[in-house]
Amino acid sequence: MKDLIEALNIFLKYGDEHNPTHCEHDIMYITCISPGVVSEQDKLRLKELSFYVDDEDDNFYSFRYGSS
Protein backbone atom coordinates (compact mmCIF):
# COMPACT_ATOMS: atom_id res chain seq x y z
CA MET A 1 0.00 0.00 0.00
CA LYS A 2 2.80 2.46 0.83
CA ASP A 3 4.33 2.07 -2.66
CA LEU A 4 1.03 3.02 -4.28
CA ILE A 5 0.64 6.00 -1.96
CA GLU A 6 4.18 7.14 -2.75
CA ALA A 7 3.51 6.87 -6.48
CA LEU A 8 0.25 8.80 -6.17
CA ASN A 9 2.04 11.53 -4.22
CA ILE A 10 4.57 11.84 -7.04
CA PHE A 11 1.74 12.17 -9.56
CA LEU A 12 0.05 14.74 -7.30
CA LYS A 13 3.02 17.06 -7.80
CA TYR A 14 2.06 17.30 -11.48
CA GLY A 15 -1.70 17.73 -11.17
CA ASP A 16 -4.75 17.12 -9.04
CA GLU A 17 -7.48 15.86 -11.33
CA HIS A 18 -10.96 14.74 -10.31
CA ASN A 19 -10.70 11.38 -12.15
CA PRO A 20 -6.97 10.58 -12.30
CA THR A 21 -7.08 6.81 -12.85
CA HIS A 22 -8.63 4.24 -15.13
CA CYS A 23 -8.45 0.47 -14.63
CA GLU A 24 -8.93 -1.97 -17.46
CA HIS A 25 -7.90 -5.61 -17.88
CA ASP A 26 -5.92 -5.56 -14.62
CA ILE A 27 -3.96 -2.47 -15.62
CA MET A 28 -4.13 0.82 -13.73
CA TYR A 29 -3.67 3.89 -15.93
CA ILE A 30 -2.84 7.39 -14.73
CA THR A 31 -4.62 9.29 -17.46
CA CYS A 32 -4.26 12.88 -16.29
CA ILE A 33 -0.45 13.21 -16.16
CA SER A 34 1.58 13.35 -19.34
CA PRO A 35 4.99 11.68 -18.97
CA GLY A 36 6.49 14.67 -20.78
CA VAL A 37 5.97 16.93 -17.76
CA VAL A 38 7.38 14.49 -15.18
CA SER A 39 11.03 14.87 -14.19
CA GLU A 40 13.46 12.09 -15.11
CA GLN A 41 14.17 11.51 -11.42
CA ASP A 42 10.45 11.01 -10.71
CA LYS A 43 10.07 8.73 -13.76
CA LEU A 44 12.88 6.55 -12.42
CA ARG A 45 11.25 6.35 -9.00
CA LEU A 46 7.86 5.61 -10.56
CA LYS A 47 9.45 2.79 -12.53
CA GLU A 48 10.82 1.37 -9.27
CA LEU A 49 7.24 1.59 -7.95
CA SER A 50 5.99 -0.36 -11.02
CA PHE A 51 4.56 2.54 -13.05
CA TYR A 52 5.74 2.65 -16.65
CA VAL A 53 5.43 5.16 -19.49
CA ASP A 54 3.08 4.32 -22.33
CA ASP A 55 4.45 6.50 -25.11
CA GLU A 56 1.68 5.52 -27.51
CA ASP A 57 -1.13 6.76 -25.25
CA ASP A 58 0.94 9.42 -23.42
CA ASN A 59 0.24 8.19 -19.90
CA PHE A 60 1.53 5.94 -17.12
CA TYR A 61 0.36 2.39 -16.38
CA SER A 62 0.95 -0.37 -13.87
CA PHE A 63 0.13 -4.07 -13.82
CA ARG A 64 0.86 -4.17 -10.09
CA TYR A 65 -2.05 -2.05 -8.81
CA GLY A 66 -4.78 -2.47 -11.42
CA SER A 67 -7.80 -4.68 -11.17
CA SER A 68 -11.03 -5.02 -13.09
PDB file of N, CA and C in Angstrom:
ATOM      1  N   MET A   1       0.825  -1.187   0.000  1.00  0.00           N
ATOM      2  CA  MET A   1       0.000   0.000   0.000  1.00  0.00           C
ATOM      3  C   MET A   1       0.875   1.258   0.000  1.00  0.00           C
ATOM      4  N   LYS A   2       1.979   1.242   0.753  1.00  0.00           N
ATOM      5  CA  LYS A   2       2.796   2.457   0.833  1.00  0.00           C
ATOM      6  C   LYS A   2       3.448   2.796  -0.506  1.00  0.00           C
ATOM      7  N   ASP A   3       3.763   1.789  -1.332  1.00  0.00           N
ATOM      8  CA  ASP A   3       4.333   2.074  -2.658  1.00  0.00           C
ATOM      9  C   ASP A   3       3.320   2.791  -3.543  1.00  0.00           C
ATOM     10  N   LEU A   4       2.073   2.359  -3.496  1.00  0.00           N
ATOM     11  CA  LEU A   4       1.034   3.018  -4.279  1.00  0.00           C
ATOM     12  C   LEU A   4       0.832   4.453  -3.805  1.00  0.00           C
ATOM     13  N   ILE A   5       0.809   4.655  -2.507  1.00  0.00           N
ATOM     14  CA  ILE A   5       0.640   6.003  -1.959  1.00  0.00           C
ATOM     15  C   ILE A   5       1.804   6.892  -2.366  1.00  0.00           C
ATOM     16  N   GLU A   6       3.012   6.359  -2.321  1.00  0.00           N
ATOM     17  CA  GLU A   6       4.178   7.141  -2.748  1.00  0.00           C
ATOM     18  C   GLU A   6       4.061   7.525  -4.220  1.00  0.00           C
ATOM     19  N   ALA A   7       3.668   6.576  -5.053  1.00  0.00           N
ATOM     20  CA  ALA A   7       3.510   6.866  -6.481  1.00  0.00           C
ATOM     21  C   ALA A   7       2.444   7.933  -6.701  1.00  0.00           C
ATOM     22  N   LEU A   8       1.315   7.812  -6.020  1.00  0.00           N
ATOM     23  CA  LEU A   8       0.249   8.801  -6.174  1.00  0.00           C
ATOM     24  C   LEU A   8       0.694  10.183  -5.704  1.00  0.00           C
ATOM     25  N   ASN A   9       1.514  10.242  -4.673  1.00  0.00           N
ATOM     26  CA  ASN A   9       2.042  11.531  -4.221  1.00  0.00           C
ATOM     27  C   ASN A   9       2.980  12.146  -5.250  1.00  0.00           C
ATOM     28  N   ILE A  10       3.728  11.322  -5.948  1.00  0.00           N
ATOM     29  CA  ILE A  10       4.569  11.843  -7.036  1.00  0.00           C
ATOM     30  C   ILE A  10       3.671  12.412  -8.132  1.00  0.00           C
ATOM     31  N   PHE A  11       2.654  11.673  -8.530  1.00  0.00           N
ATOM     32  CA  PHE A  11       1.735  12.165  -9.560  1.00  0.00           C
ATOM     33  C   PHE A  11       1.042  13.453  -9.113  1.00  0.00           C
ATOM     34  N   LEU A  12       0.730  13.554  -7.833  1.00  0.00           N
ATOM     35  CA  LEU A  12       0.048  14.736  -7.302  1.00  0.00           C
ATOM     36  C   LEU A  12       0.855  16.015  -7.517  1.00  0.00           C
ATOM     37  N   LYS A  13       2.171  15.890  -7.546  1.00  0.00           N
ATOM     38  CA  LYS A  13       3.022  17.063  -7.798  1.00  0.00           C
ATOM     39  C   LYS A  13       2.767  17.670  -9.176  1.00  0.00           C
ATOM     40  N   TYR A  14       2.233  16.871 -10.092  1.00  0.00           N
ATOM     41  CA  TYR A  14       2.060  17.299 -11.481  1.00  0.00           C
ATOM     42  C   TYR A  14       0.602  17.577 -11.844  1.00  0.00           C
ATOM     43  N   GLY A  15      -0.294  17.427 -10.913  1.00  0.00           N
ATOM     44  CA  GLY A  15      -1.696  17.735 -11.174  1.00  0.00           C
ATOM     45  C   GLY A  15      -2.612  17.056 -10.174  1.00  0.00           C
ATOM     46  N   ASP A  16      -3.767  17.641  -9.982  1.00  0.00           N
ATOM     47  CA  ASP A  16      -4.752  17.119  -9.036  1.00  0.00           C
ATOM     48  C   ASP A  16      -6.097  17.046  -9.738  1.00  0.00           C
ATOM     49  N   GLU A  17      -6.276  16.022 -10.535  1.00  0.00           N
ATOM     50  CA  GLU A  17      -7.483  15.861 -11.331  1.00  0.00           C
ATOM     51  C   GLU A  17      -8.584  15.149 -10.544  1.00  0.00           C
ATOM     52  N   HIS A  18      -9.800  15.361 -10.965  1.00  0.00           N
ATOM     53  CA  HIS A  18     -10.956  14.741 -10.308  1.00  0.00           C
ATOM     54  C   HIS A  18     -11.021  13.232 -10.572  1.00  0.00           C
ATOM     55  N   ASN A  19     -10.674  12.808 -11.770  1.00  0.00           N
ATOM     56  CA  ASN A  19     -10.698  11.382 -12.148  1.00  0.00           C
ATOM     57  C   ASN A  19      -9.326  10.987 -12.694  1.00  0.00           C
ATOM     58  N   PRO A  20      -8.344  10.754 -11.831  1.00  0.00           N
ATOM     59  CA  PRO A  20      -6.967  10.575 -12.296  1.00  0.00           C
ATOM     60  C   PRO A  20      -6.619   9.181 -12.810  1.00  0.00           C
ATOM     61  N   THR A  21      -7.447   8.183 -12.493  1.00  0.00           N
ATOM     62  CA  THR A  21      -7.077   6.813 -12.855  1.00  0.00           C
ATOM     63  C   THR A  21      -8.158   6.144 -13.695  1.00  0.00           C
ATOM     64  N   HIS A  22      -7.720   5.086 -14.346  1.00  0.00           N
ATOM     65  CA  HIS A  22      -8.626   4.243 -15.125  1.00  0.00           C
ATOM     66  C   HIS A  22      -8.065   2.827 -15.036  1.00  0.00           C
ATOM     67  N   CYS A  23      -8.886   1.865 -14.685  1.00  0.00           N
ATOM     68  CA  CYS A  23      -8.446   0.467 -14.630  1.00  0.00           C
ATOM     69  C   CYS A  23      -9.171  -0.340 -15.699  1.00  0.00           C
ATOM     70  N   GLU A  24      -8.381  -1.153 -16.395  1.00  0.00           N
ATOM     71  CA  GLU A  24      -8.934  -1.971 -17.465  1.00  0.00           C
ATOM     72  C   GLU A  24      -8.041  -3.189 -17.650  1.00  0.00           C
ATOM     73  N   HIS A  25      -8.635  -4.358 -17.664  1.00  0.00           N
ATOM     74  CA  HIS A  25      -7.896  -5.608 -17.879  1.00  0.00           C
ATOM     75  C   HIS A  25      -6.695  -5.732 -16.937  1.00  0.00           C
ATOM     76  N   ASP A  26      -6.933  -5.463 -15.675  1.00  0.00           N
ATOM     77  CA  ASP A  26      -5.916  -5.565 -14.620  1.00  0.00           C
ATOM     78  C   ASP A  26      -4.743  -4.606 -14.793  1.00  0.00           C
ATOM     79  N   ILE A  27      -4.973  -3.501 -15.463  1.00  0.00           N
ATOM     80  CA  ILE A  27      -3.956  -2.468 -15.622  1.00  0.00           C
ATOM     81  C   ILE A  27      -4.518  -1.160 -15.090  1.00  0.00           C
ATOM     82  N   MET A  28      -3.756  -0.499 -14.218  1.00  0.00           N
ATOM     83  CA  MET A  28      -4.134   0.821 -13.733  1.00  0.00           C
ATOM     84  C   MET A  28      -3.424   1.864 -14.592  1.00  0.00           C
ATOM     85  N   TYR A  29      -4.205   2.793 -15.127  1.00  0.00           N
ATOM     86  CA  TYR A  29      -3.666   3.885 -15.925  1.00  0.00           C
ATOM     87  C   TYR A  29      -3.790   5.189 -15.151  1.00  0.00           C
ATOM     88  N   ILE A  30      -2.768   6.023 -15.232  1.00  0.00           N
ATOM     89  CA  ILE A  30      -2.842   7.395 -14.735  1.00  0.00           C
ATOM     90  C   ILE A  30      -3.036   8.254 -15.979  1.00  0.00           C
ATOM     91  N   THR A  31      -4.254   8.683 -16.188  1.00  0.00           N
ATOM     92  CA  THR A  31      -4.624   9.291 -17.457  1.00  0.00           C
ATOM     93  C   THR A  31      -4.486  10.810 -17.487  1.00  0.00           C
ATOM     94  N   CYS A  32      -4.248  11.419 -16.343  1.00  0.00           N
ATOM     95  CA  CYS A  32      -4.258  12.883 -16.293  1.00  0.00           C
ATOM     96  C   CYS A  32      -2.863  13.496 -16.303  1.00  0.00           C
ATOM     97  N   ILE A  33      -1.818  12.704 -16.227  1.00  0.00           N
ATOM     98  CA  ILE A  33      -0.452  13.208 -16.156  1.00  0.00           C
ATOM     99  C   ILE A  33       0.329  12.749 -17.372  1.00  0.00           C
ATOM    100  N   SER A  34       0.770  13.682 -18.170  1.00  0.00           N
ATOM    101  CA  SER A  34       1.584  13.347 -19.336  1.00  0.00           C
ATOM    102  C   SER A  34       3.016  13.066 -18.890  1.00  0.00           C
ATOM    103  N   PRO A  35       3.603  11.974 -19.342  1.00  0.00           N
ATOM    104  CA  PRO A  35       4.990  11.680 -18.971  1.00  0.00           C
ATOM    105  C   PRO A  35       5.961  12.795 -19.350  1.00  0.00           C
ATOM    106  N   GLY A  36       5.615  13.584 -20.343  1.00  0.00           N
ATOM    107  CA  GLY A  36       6.494  14.667 -20.776  1.00  0.00           C
ATOM    108  C   GLY A  36       6.716  15.754 -19.750  1.00  0.00           C
ATOM    109  N   VAL A  37       5.814  15.890 -18.782  1.00  0.00           N
ATOM    110  CA  VAL A  37       5.967  16.929 -17.759  1.00  0.00           C
ATOM    111  C   VAL A  37       6.626  16.406 -16.483  1.00  0.00           C
ATOM    112  N   VAL A  38       6.815  15.109 -16.390  1.00  0.00           N
ATOM    113  CA  VAL A  38       7.377  14.485 -15.182  1.00  0.00           C
ATOM    114  C   VAL A  38       8.900  14.454 -15.282  1.00  0.00           C
ATOM    115  N   SER A  39       9.561  14.840 -14.202  1.00  0.00           N
ATOM    116  CA  SER A  39      11.030  14.866 -14.194  1.00  0.00           C
ATOM    117  C   SER A  39      11.596  13.460 -14.385  1.00  0.00           C
ATOM    118  N   GLU A  40      12.798  13.395 -14.908  1.00  0.00           N
ATOM    119  CA  GLU A  40      13.461  12.092 -15.110  1.00  0.00           C
ATOM    120  C   GLU A  40      13.653  11.372 -13.785  1.00  0.00           C
ATOM    121  N   GLN A  41      13.987  12.109 -12.737  1.00  0.00           N
ATOM    122  CA  GLN A  41      14.167  11.505 -11.417  1.00  0.00           C
ATOM    123  C   GLN A  41      12.854  10.864 -10.942  1.00  0.00           C
ATOM    124  N   ASP A  42      11.737  11.573 -11.127  1.00  0.00           N
ATOM    125  CA  ASP A  42      10.445  11.011 -10.713  1.00  0.00           C
ATOM    126  C   ASP A  42      10.058   9.823 -11.591  1.00  0.00           C
ATOM    127  N   LYS A  43      10.361   9.878 -12.880  1.00  0.00           N
ATOM    128  CA  LYS A  43      10.070   8.731 -13.757  1.00  0.00           C
ATOM    129  C   LYS A  43      10.841   7.493 -13.310  1.00  0.00           C
ATOM    130  N   LEU A  44      12.094   7.689 -12.907  1.00  0.00           N
ATOM    131  CA  LEU A  44      12.879   6.552 -12.421  1.00  0.00           C
ATOM    132  C   LEU A  44      12.271   5.967 -11.151  1.00  0.00           C
ATOM    133  N   ARG A  45      11.861   6.844 -10.240  1.00  0.00           N
ATOM    134  CA  ARG A  45      11.252   6.354  -9.002  1.00  0.00           C
ATOM    135  C   ARG A  45       9.916   5.666  -9.292  1.00  0.00           C
ATOM    136  N   LEU A  46       9.126   6.241 -10.199  1.00  0.00           N
ATOM    137  CA  LEU A  46       7.855   5.610 -10.563  1.00  0.00           C
ATOM    138  C   LEU A  46       8.084   4.234 -11.171  1.00  0.00           C
ATOM    139  N   LYS A  47       9.131   4.096 -11.956  1.00  0.00           N
ATOM    140  CA  LYS A  47       9.451   2.787 -12.528  1.00  0.00           C
ATOM    141  C   LYS A  47       9.778   1.785 -11.420  1.00  0.00           C
ATOM    142  N   GLU A  48      10.524   2.228 -10.412  1.00  0.00           N
ATOM    143  CA  GLU A  48      10.816   1.367  -9.265  1.00  0.00           C
ATOM    144  C   GLU A  48       9.534   0.967  -8.529  1.00  0.00           C
ATOM    145  N   LEU A  49       8.530   1.843  -8.592  1.00  0.00           N
ATOM    146  CA  LEU A  49       7.244   1.590  -7.945  1.00  0.00           C
ATOM    147  C   LEU A  49       6.258   0.888  -8.883  1.00  0.00           C
ATOM    148  N   SER A  50       6.752   0.436 -10.038  1.00  0.00           N
ATOM    149  CA  SER A  50       5.987  -0.358 -11.016  1.00  0.00           C
ATOM    150  C   SER A  50       5.013   0.457 -11.864  1.00  0.00           C
ATOM    151  N   PHE A  51       5.309   1.738 -12.086  1.00  0.00           N
ATOM    152  CA  PHE A  51       4.561   2.542 -13.051  1.00  0.00           C
ATOM    153  C   PHE A  51       5.468   2.806 -14.239  1.00  0.00           C
ATOM    154  N   TYR A  52       4.955   2.543 -15.427  1.00  0.00           N
ATOM    155  CA  TYR A  52       5.743   2.649 -16.649  1.00  0.00           C
ATOM    156  C   TYR A  52       5.104   3.654 -17.601  1.00  0.00           C
ATOM    157  N   VAL A  53       5.909   4.183 -18.506  1.00  0.00           N
ATOM    158  CA  VAL A  53       5.429   5.155 -19.492  1.00  0.00           C
ATOM    159  C   VAL A  53       4.876   4.420 -20.701  1.00  0.00           C
ATOM    160  N   ASP A  54       3.674   4.796 -21.087  1.00  0.00           N
ATOM    161  CA  ASP A  54       3.075   4.317 -22.332  1.00  0.00           C
ATOM    162  C   ASP A  54       3.174   5.455 -23.336  1.00  0.00           C
ATOM    163  N   ASP A  55       4.215   5.422 -24.156  1.00  0.00           N
ATOM    164  CA  ASP A  55       4.451   6.500 -25.113  1.00  0.00           C
ATOM    165  C   ASP A  55       3.334   6.619 -26.138  1.00  0.00           C
ATOM    166  N   GLU A  56       2.736   5.504 -26.488  1.00  0.00           N
ATOM    167  CA  GLU A  56       1.679   5.518 -27.505  1.00  0.00           C
ATOM    168  C   GLU A  56       0.446   6.295 -27.036  1.00  0.00           C
ATOM    169  N   ASP A  57       0.060   6.093 -25.782  1.00  0.00           N
ATOM    170  CA  ASP A  57      -1.130   6.764 -25.250  1.00  0.00           C
ATOM    171  C   ASP A  57      -0.802   7.956 -24.363  1.00  0.00           C
ATOM    172  N   ASP A  58       0.488   8.261 -24.192  1.00  0.00           N
ATOM    173  CA  ASP A  58       0.942   9.420 -23.419  1.00  0.00           C
ATOM    174  C   ASP A  58       0.408   9.402 -21.991  1.00  0.00           C
ATOM    175  N   ASN A  59       0.629   8.282 -21.298  1.00  0.00           N
ATOM    176  CA  ASN A  59       0.238   8.193 -19.901  1.00  0.00           C
ATOM    177  C   ASN A  59       1.131   7.179 -19.178  1.00  0.00           C
ATOM    178  N   PHE A  60       0.828   6.938 -17.922  1.00  0.00           N
ATOM    179  CA  PHE A  60       1.526   5.940 -17.123  1.00  0.00           C
ATOM    180  C   PHE A  60       0.588   4.764 -16.882  1.00  0.00           C
ATOM    181  N   TYR A  61       1.173   3.583 -16.662  1.00  0.00           N
ATOM    182  CA  TYR A  61       0.360   2.393 -16.377  1.00  0.00           C
ATOM    183  C   TYR A  61       1.119   1.478 -15.424  1.00  0.00           C
ATOM    184  N   SER A  62       0.363   0.608 -14.768  1.00  0.00           N
ATOM    185  CA  SER A  62       0.955  -0.374 -13.871  1.00  0.00           C
ATOM    186  C   SER A  62       0.111  -1.639 -13.864  1.00  0.00           C
ATOM    187  N   PHE A  63       0.788  -2.772 -13.969  1.00  0.00           N
ATOM    188  CA  PHE A  63       0.126  -4.070 -13.816  1.00  0.00           C
ATOM    189  C   PHE A  63       0.005  -4.437 -12.346  1.00  0.00           C
ATOM    190  N   ARG A  64       0.781  -3.807 -11.503  1.00  0.00           N
ATOM    191  CA  ARG A  64       0.857  -4.170 -10.094  1.00  0.00           C
ATOM    192  C   ARG A  64      -0.394  -3.748  -9.309  1.00  0.00           C
ATOM    193  N   TYR A  65      -0.972  -2.618  -9.633  1.00  0.00           N
ATOM    194  CA  TYR A  65      -2.052  -2.051  -8.813  1.00  0.00           C
ATOM    195  C   TYR A  65      -3.421  -2.134  -9.462  1.00  0.00           C
ATOM    196  N   GLY A  66      -3.506  -2.492 -10.720  1.00  0.00           N
ATOM    197  CA  GLY A  66      -4.780  -2.471 -11.422  1.00  0.00           C
ATOM    198  C   GLY A  66      -5.600  -3.716 -11.191  1.00  0.00           C
ATOM    199  N   SER A  67      -6.895  -3.553 -11.298  1.00  0.00           N
ATOM    200  CA  SER A  67      -7.803  -4.684 -11.165  1.00  0.00           C
ATOM    201  C   SER A  67      -9.111  -4.315 -11.847  1.00  0.00           C
ATOM    202  N   SER A  68      -9.714  -5.289 -12.481  1.00  0.00           N
ATOM    203  CA  SER A  68     -11.030  -5.018 -13.087  1.00  0.00           C
ATOM    204  C   SER A  68     -12.010  -6.087 -12.721  1.00  0.00           C
TER     205      SER A  68
END
